[in-house]
N, C-alpha and C. Protein backbone atom coordinates (compact mmCIF):
# COMPACT_ATOMS: atom_id res chain seq x y z
N MET A 1 36.40 106.99 107.58
CA MET A 1 35.37 106.22 106.90
C MET A 1 35.47 106.45 105.39
N LYS A 2 35.30 105.38 104.65
CA LYS A 2 35.38 105.47 103.20
C LYS A 2 34.24 106.30 102.64
N LYS A 3 34.57 107.11 101.65
CA LYS A 3 33.53 107.85 100.93
C LYS A 3 32.80 106.86 100.02
N LYS A 4 31.48 107.05 99.91
CA LYS A 4 30.66 106.16 99.07
C LYS A 4 30.38 106.83 97.74
N ILE A 5 30.66 106.09 96.67
CA ILE A 5 30.41 106.59 95.33
C ILE A 5 29.46 105.63 94.62
N LEU A 6 28.40 106.19 94.08
CA LEU A 6 27.43 105.42 93.31
C LEU A 6 27.66 105.71 91.83
N VAL A 7 27.94 104.67 91.06
CA VAL A 7 28.19 104.79 89.63
C VAL A 7 26.95 104.29 88.90
N VAL A 8 26.40 105.13 88.03
CA VAL A 8 25.17 104.78 87.32
C VAL A 8 25.43 104.82 85.82
N ASP A 9 25.37 103.65 85.18
CA ASP A 9 25.60 103.55 83.73
C ASP A 9 24.95 102.26 83.26
N ASP A 10 24.37 102.29 82.06
CA ASP A 10 23.72 101.10 81.53
C ASP A 10 24.70 100.18 80.80
N GLU A 11 25.96 100.59 80.66
CA GLU A 11 26.96 99.76 79.98
C GLU A 11 27.83 99.05 81.02
N GLU A 12 27.79 97.71 80.99
CA GLU A 12 28.57 96.92 81.95
C GLU A 12 30.06 97.22 81.87
N ASP A 13 30.57 97.42 80.65
CA ASP A 13 32.00 97.69 80.48
C ASP A 13 32.41 98.97 81.22
N ILE A 14 31.57 99.98 81.15
CA ILE A 14 31.88 101.25 81.82
C ILE A 14 31.81 101.06 83.34
N LEU A 15 30.79 100.36 83.81
CA LEU A 15 30.69 100.11 85.25
C LEU A 15 31.93 99.39 85.77
N THR A 16 32.37 98.37 85.03
CA THR A 16 33.54 97.59 85.42
C THR A 16 34.79 98.45 85.41
N LEU A 17 34.96 99.25 84.37
CA LEU A 17 36.14 100.11 84.25
C LEU A 17 36.18 101.15 85.36
N VAL A 18 35.08 101.82 85.59
CA VAL A 18 35.04 102.85 86.64
C VAL A 18 35.28 102.21 88.00
N GLU A 19 34.69 101.06 88.24
CA GLU A 19 34.89 100.38 89.51
C GLU A 19 36.37 100.04 89.71
N LYS A 20 37.04 99.56 88.68
CA LYS A 20 38.47 99.24 88.78
C LYS A 20 39.31 100.48 89.07
N VAL A 21 38.96 101.58 88.43
CA VAL A 21 39.69 102.84 88.65
C VAL A 21 39.50 103.31 90.09
N LEU A 22 38.28 103.24 90.59
CA LEU A 22 37.97 103.81 91.90
C LEU A 22 38.36 102.92 93.07
N VAL A 23 38.40 101.62 92.86
CA VAL A 23 38.70 100.72 93.96
C VAL A 23 40.11 100.98 94.52
N TYR A 24 41.02 101.45 93.69
CA TYR A 24 42.37 101.76 94.15
C TYR A 24 42.40 103.02 95.01
N GLU A 25 41.38 103.82 94.92
CA GLU A 25 41.30 105.04 95.72
C GLU A 25 40.60 104.77 97.06
N GLU A 26 40.24 103.53 97.29
CA GLU A 26 39.63 103.09 98.54
C GLU A 26 38.28 103.75 98.83
N TYR A 27 37.48 103.88 97.80
CA TYR A 27 36.10 104.32 97.97
C TYR A 27 35.23 103.08 98.14
N ALA A 28 34.09 103.23 98.77
CA ALA A 28 33.06 102.19 98.76
C ALA A 28 32.24 102.43 97.50
N ILE A 29 32.17 101.45 96.64
CA ILE A 29 31.55 101.61 95.32
C ILE A 29 30.21 100.87 95.27
N PHE A 30 29.20 101.56 94.76
CA PHE A 30 27.90 100.97 94.49
C PHE A 30 27.62 101.15 93.01
N LEU A 31 27.01 100.15 92.38
CA LEU A 31 26.75 100.20 90.95
C LEU A 31 25.26 100.10 90.67
N ALA A 32 24.80 100.94 89.74
CA ALA A 32 23.41 100.90 89.28
C ALA A 32 23.40 100.98 87.76
N ARG A 33 22.44 100.33 87.15
CA ARG A 33 22.36 100.29 85.69
C ARG A 33 21.32 101.23 85.11
N ASN A 34 20.55 101.88 86.00
CA ASN A 34 19.52 102.81 85.55
C ASN A 34 19.02 103.62 86.75
N GLY A 35 18.14 104.55 86.47
CA GLY A 35 17.62 105.41 87.52
C GLY A 35 16.85 104.66 88.59
N GLU A 36 16.11 103.65 88.18
CA GLU A 36 15.34 102.86 89.14
C GLU A 36 16.26 102.21 90.18
N GLU A 37 17.36 101.61 89.71
CA GLU A 37 18.32 100.99 90.63
C GLU A 37 18.98 102.05 91.51
N LEU A 38 19.30 103.20 90.94
CA LEU A 38 19.89 104.28 91.72
C LEU A 38 19.01 104.64 92.90
N PHE A 39 17.72 104.86 92.65
CA PHE A 39 16.82 105.29 93.71
C PHE A 39 16.59 104.19 94.74
N GLU A 40 16.68 102.92 94.34
CA GLU A 40 16.60 101.82 95.30
C GLU A 40 17.83 101.81 96.20
N ILE A 41 19.01 101.99 95.62
CA ILE A 41 20.26 101.96 96.39
C ILE A 41 20.30 103.10 97.40
N ILE A 42 19.92 104.30 96.98
CA ILE A 42 20.07 105.44 97.89
C ILE A 42 19.07 105.44 99.05
N LYS A 43 18.08 104.56 99.00
CA LYS A 43 17.18 104.43 100.16
C LYS A 43 17.96 103.97 101.39
N ASP A 44 18.91 103.06 101.19
CA ASP A 44 19.66 102.47 102.30
C ASP A 44 21.11 102.91 102.37
N ASN A 45 21.65 103.42 101.28
CA ASN A 45 23.07 103.79 101.22
C ASN A 45 23.24 105.14 100.55
N LYS A 46 23.09 106.20 101.31
CA LYS A 46 23.24 107.53 100.73
C LYS A 46 24.70 107.73 100.33
N PRO A 47 24.96 107.92 99.04
CA PRO A 47 26.35 108.10 98.60
C PRO A 47 26.86 109.51 98.88
N ASP A 48 28.18 109.63 98.89
CA ASP A 48 28.82 110.94 99.03
C ASP A 48 28.94 111.63 97.67
N LEU A 49 28.82 110.83 96.59
CA LEU A 49 28.94 111.37 95.23
C LEU A 49 28.31 110.37 94.27
N ILE A 50 27.72 110.89 93.19
CA ILE A 50 27.15 110.03 92.15
C ILE A 50 27.83 110.35 90.83
N LEU A 51 28.33 109.30 90.15
CA LEU A 51 28.82 109.42 88.77
C LEU A 51 27.67 108.94 87.90
N LEU A 52 27.18 109.81 87.02
CA LEU A 52 25.92 109.55 86.33
C LEU A 52 26.05 109.67 84.82
N ASP A 53 25.71 108.60 84.12
CA ASP A 53 25.61 108.63 82.66
C ASP A 53 24.34 109.39 82.29
N ILE A 54 24.29 109.88 81.07
CA ILE A 54 23.08 110.60 80.63
C ILE A 54 22.18 109.70 79.79
N MET A 55 22.75 109.06 78.80
CA MET A 55 21.93 108.28 77.87
C MET A 55 21.73 106.86 78.41
N MET A 56 20.55 106.65 79.03
CA MET A 56 20.19 105.35 79.59
C MET A 56 18.72 105.08 79.29
N PRO A 57 18.35 103.81 79.27
CA PRO A 57 16.93 103.50 79.06
C PRO A 57 16.09 103.99 80.24
N GLY A 58 14.84 104.29 79.97
CA GLY A 58 13.97 104.82 81.03
C GLY A 58 14.30 106.27 81.28
N MET A 59 14.64 106.59 82.51
CA MET A 59 14.99 107.96 82.87
C MET A 59 16.40 108.29 82.39
N ASP A 60 16.55 109.45 81.74
CA ASP A 60 17.91 109.85 81.34
C ASP A 60 18.59 110.55 82.52
N GLY A 61 19.91 110.76 82.38
CA GLY A 61 20.69 111.35 83.46
C GLY A 61 20.25 112.76 83.84
N PHE A 62 19.80 113.55 82.86
CA PHE A 62 19.32 114.89 83.18
C PHE A 62 18.12 114.82 84.12
N SER A 63 17.17 113.93 83.79
CA SER A 63 15.96 113.77 84.61
C SER A 63 16.30 113.26 86.00
N ILE A 64 17.22 112.29 86.06
CA ILE A 64 17.63 111.74 87.36
C ILE A 64 18.25 112.84 88.21
N CYS A 65 19.13 113.62 87.63
CA CYS A 65 19.81 114.68 88.37
C CYS A 65 18.80 115.71 88.89
N ARG A 66 17.87 116.12 88.04
CA ARG A 66 16.84 117.09 88.48
C ARG A 66 16.02 116.51 89.63
N ARG A 67 15.69 115.22 89.53
CA ARG A 67 14.89 114.57 90.59
C ARG A 67 15.69 114.52 91.90
N LEU A 68 16.97 114.19 91.82
CA LEU A 68 17.82 114.17 93.02
C LEU A 68 17.89 115.55 93.66
N LYS A 69 18.05 116.57 92.85
CA LYS A 69 18.22 117.94 93.37
C LYS A 69 16.91 118.52 93.89
N ALA A 70 15.78 117.94 93.50
CA ALA A 70 14.47 118.43 93.95
C ALA A 70 14.08 117.90 95.33
N LYS A 71 14.76 116.84 95.79
CA LYS A 71 14.40 116.22 97.07
C LYS A 71 15.36 116.67 98.17
N PRO A 72 14.84 117.11 99.30
CA PRO A 72 15.70 117.54 100.41
C PRO A 72 16.71 116.47 100.85
N ALA A 73 16.31 115.22 100.83
CA ALA A 73 17.18 114.13 101.30
C ALA A 73 18.37 113.86 100.38
N THR A 74 18.26 114.27 99.11
CA THR A 74 19.33 113.95 98.15
C THR A 74 19.93 115.16 97.46
N ARG A 75 19.40 116.34 97.72
CA ARG A 75 19.86 117.51 96.97
C ARG A 75 21.32 117.86 97.22
N ASP A 76 21.86 117.45 98.38
CA ASP A 76 23.25 117.79 98.69
C ASP A 76 24.26 116.77 98.18
N ILE A 77 23.80 115.71 97.51
CA ILE A 77 24.73 114.72 96.95
C ILE A 77 25.26 115.29 95.63
N PRO A 78 26.58 115.50 95.54
CA PRO A 78 27.12 116.01 94.27
C PRO A 78 27.03 114.96 93.18
N VAL A 79 26.76 115.43 91.97
CA VAL A 79 26.64 114.57 90.79
C VAL A 79 27.68 115.00 89.77
N ILE A 80 28.42 114.02 89.27
CA ILE A 80 29.32 114.25 88.13
C ILE A 80 28.74 113.49 86.96
N MET A 81 28.41 114.21 85.90
CA MET A 81 27.94 113.57 84.67
C MET A 81 29.15 112.95 83.97
N LEU A 82 29.03 111.68 83.59
CA LEU A 82 30.08 110.97 82.87
C LEU A 82 29.42 110.37 81.64
N THR A 83 29.66 110.97 80.47
CA THR A 83 28.85 110.67 79.30
C THR A 83 29.62 110.84 78.00
N VAL A 84 29.10 110.27 76.93
CA VAL A 84 29.70 110.49 75.60
C VAL A 84 29.25 111.83 75.03
N LEU A 85 28.19 112.40 75.58
CA LEU A 85 27.72 113.70 75.09
C LEU A 85 28.74 114.77 75.46
N SER A 86 29.02 115.66 74.51
CA SER A 86 30.07 116.64 74.78
C SER A 86 29.80 118.03 74.23
N SER A 87 28.62 118.24 73.67
CA SER A 87 28.34 119.56 73.11
C SER A 87 28.16 120.58 74.22
N ARG A 88 28.36 121.84 73.91
CA ARG A 88 28.17 122.91 74.89
C ARG A 88 26.74 122.87 75.43
N MET A 89 25.77 122.56 74.56
CA MET A 89 24.38 122.49 74.97
C MET A 89 24.17 121.38 76.02
N ASP A 90 24.79 120.21 75.79
CA ASP A 90 24.65 119.10 76.73
C ASP A 90 25.30 119.44 78.08
N ILE A 91 26.47 120.06 78.02
CA ILE A 91 27.16 120.46 79.25
C ILE A 91 26.30 121.46 80.03
N ASN A 92 25.74 122.44 79.32
CA ASN A 92 24.88 123.43 79.97
C ASN A 92 23.63 122.78 80.57
N ARG A 93 23.05 121.80 79.87
CA ARG A 93 21.88 121.09 80.40
C ARG A 93 22.25 120.33 81.67
N GLY A 94 23.44 119.72 81.68
CA GLY A 94 23.88 118.98 82.86
C GLY A 94 24.07 119.88 84.06
N ILE A 95 24.72 121.00 83.83
CA ILE A 95 24.95 121.96 84.92
C ILE A 95 23.61 122.54 85.39
N ALA A 96 22.72 122.85 84.45
CA ALA A 96 21.41 123.38 84.80
C ALA A 96 20.59 122.36 85.60
N ALA A 97 20.80 121.07 85.33
CA ALA A 97 20.08 120.02 86.06
C ALA A 97 20.62 119.85 87.48
N GLY A 98 21.82 120.42 87.73
CA GLY A 98 22.37 120.35 89.07
C GLY A 98 23.70 119.63 89.19
N ALA A 99 24.28 119.21 88.07
CA ALA A 99 25.56 118.50 88.12
C ALA A 99 26.67 119.43 88.62
N ALA A 100 27.57 118.87 89.42
CA ALA A 100 28.71 119.62 89.93
C ALA A 100 29.85 119.66 88.92
N ALA A 101 29.87 118.66 88.02
CA ALA A 101 30.92 118.58 87.00
C ALA A 101 30.41 117.73 85.85
N PHE A 102 31.11 117.81 84.74
CA PHE A 102 30.71 117.13 83.51
C PHE A 102 31.96 116.58 82.84
N LEU A 103 32.09 115.25 82.75
CA LEU A 103 33.23 114.62 82.10
C LEU A 103 32.74 113.77 80.93
N THR A 104 33.58 113.71 79.89
CA THR A 104 33.17 112.95 78.72
C THR A 104 33.92 111.62 78.63
N LYS A 105 33.23 110.65 78.03
CA LYS A 105 33.81 109.34 77.72
C LYS A 105 34.37 109.42 76.31
N PRO A 106 35.43 108.72 76.00
CA PRO A 106 36.25 107.97 76.96
C PRO A 106 36.94 108.93 77.91
N PHE A 107 37.14 108.47 79.14
CA PHE A 107 37.70 109.34 80.17
C PHE A 107 39.11 108.91 80.55
N ASP A 108 39.85 109.86 81.04
CA ASP A 108 41.19 109.63 81.56
C ASP A 108 41.02 109.28 83.04
N PRO A 109 41.45 108.09 83.49
CA PRO A 109 41.27 107.70 84.89
C PRO A 109 41.85 108.71 85.89
N GLU A 110 43.00 109.28 85.59
CA GLU A 110 43.59 110.26 86.50
C GLU A 110 42.73 111.52 86.60
N LYS A 111 42.20 111.96 85.45
CA LYS A 111 41.33 113.14 85.46
C LYS A 111 40.05 112.85 86.24
N LEU A 112 39.50 111.65 86.06
CA LEU A 112 38.30 111.27 86.79
C LEU A 112 38.57 111.31 88.30
N ASN A 113 39.68 110.73 88.73
CA ASN A 113 40.02 110.74 90.16
C ASN A 113 40.22 112.16 90.69
N ARG A 114 40.89 113.00 89.91
CA ARG A 114 41.09 114.39 90.33
C ARG A 114 39.77 115.12 90.48
N GLU A 115 38.88 114.91 89.52
CA GLU A 115 37.57 115.59 89.55
C GLU A 115 36.74 115.12 90.73
N ILE A 116 36.75 113.81 91.00
CA ILE A 116 36.01 113.27 92.14
C ILE A 116 36.53 113.88 93.44
N LYS A 117 37.85 113.89 93.60
CA LYS A 117 38.43 114.45 94.82
C LYS A 117 38.08 115.94 94.97
N ALA A 118 38.15 116.69 93.87
CA ALA A 118 37.85 118.11 93.92
C ALA A 118 36.38 118.34 94.29
N VAL A 119 35.47 117.59 93.70
CA VAL A 119 34.04 117.75 93.99
C VAL A 119 33.74 117.36 95.43
N LEU A 120 34.33 116.27 95.91
CA LEU A 120 34.13 115.85 97.29
C LEU A 120 34.66 116.90 98.27
N GLU A 121 35.84 117.46 97.97
CA GLU A 121 36.40 118.49 98.84
C GLU A 121 35.52 119.74 98.87
N ARG A 122 35.03 120.17 97.70
CA ARG A 122 34.13 121.34 97.65
C ARG A 122 32.86 121.08 98.45
N ASN A 123 32.32 119.86 98.30
CA ASN A 123 31.09 119.52 99.00
C ASN A 123 31.31 119.47 100.51
N ASP A 124 32.44 118.90 100.94
CA ASP A 124 32.76 118.86 102.38
C ASP A 124 32.93 120.27 102.94
N ALA A 125 33.59 121.13 102.18
CA ALA A 125 33.83 122.51 102.62
C ALA A 125 32.53 123.31 102.73
N ALA A 126 31.56 122.96 101.90
CA ALA A 126 30.28 123.68 101.90
C ALA A 126 29.37 123.28 103.06
N LYS A 127 29.70 122.18 103.71
CA LYS A 127 28.82 121.67 104.80
C LYS A 127 29.04 122.45 106.08
């Protein structure tokens, strides 16, 4: 069965680019433009992994990640932060919020794929 990945970003270009990169890896891809859409999607389609931007209108990625990790139904979904933020403080905030990994934009598609596979494997092994 295909692994489900939910990509959350308010920039259409990023959503399109990430979708193109991941479709070759044969994942089932879901796209959301903000936290509200993310929470609507996961009601019916619990993803195996979430790629999450930080700087978005409404709820930011840190808040979304903390909310996901606070709920029993979603706490085990690994989150990879994918953002332009790159300071040590931002990385620490992401990890503290519950992110499994932190990647910066612009991103290398091969590195993104490697990180997704590694996080999915760690999560599967932990089950």
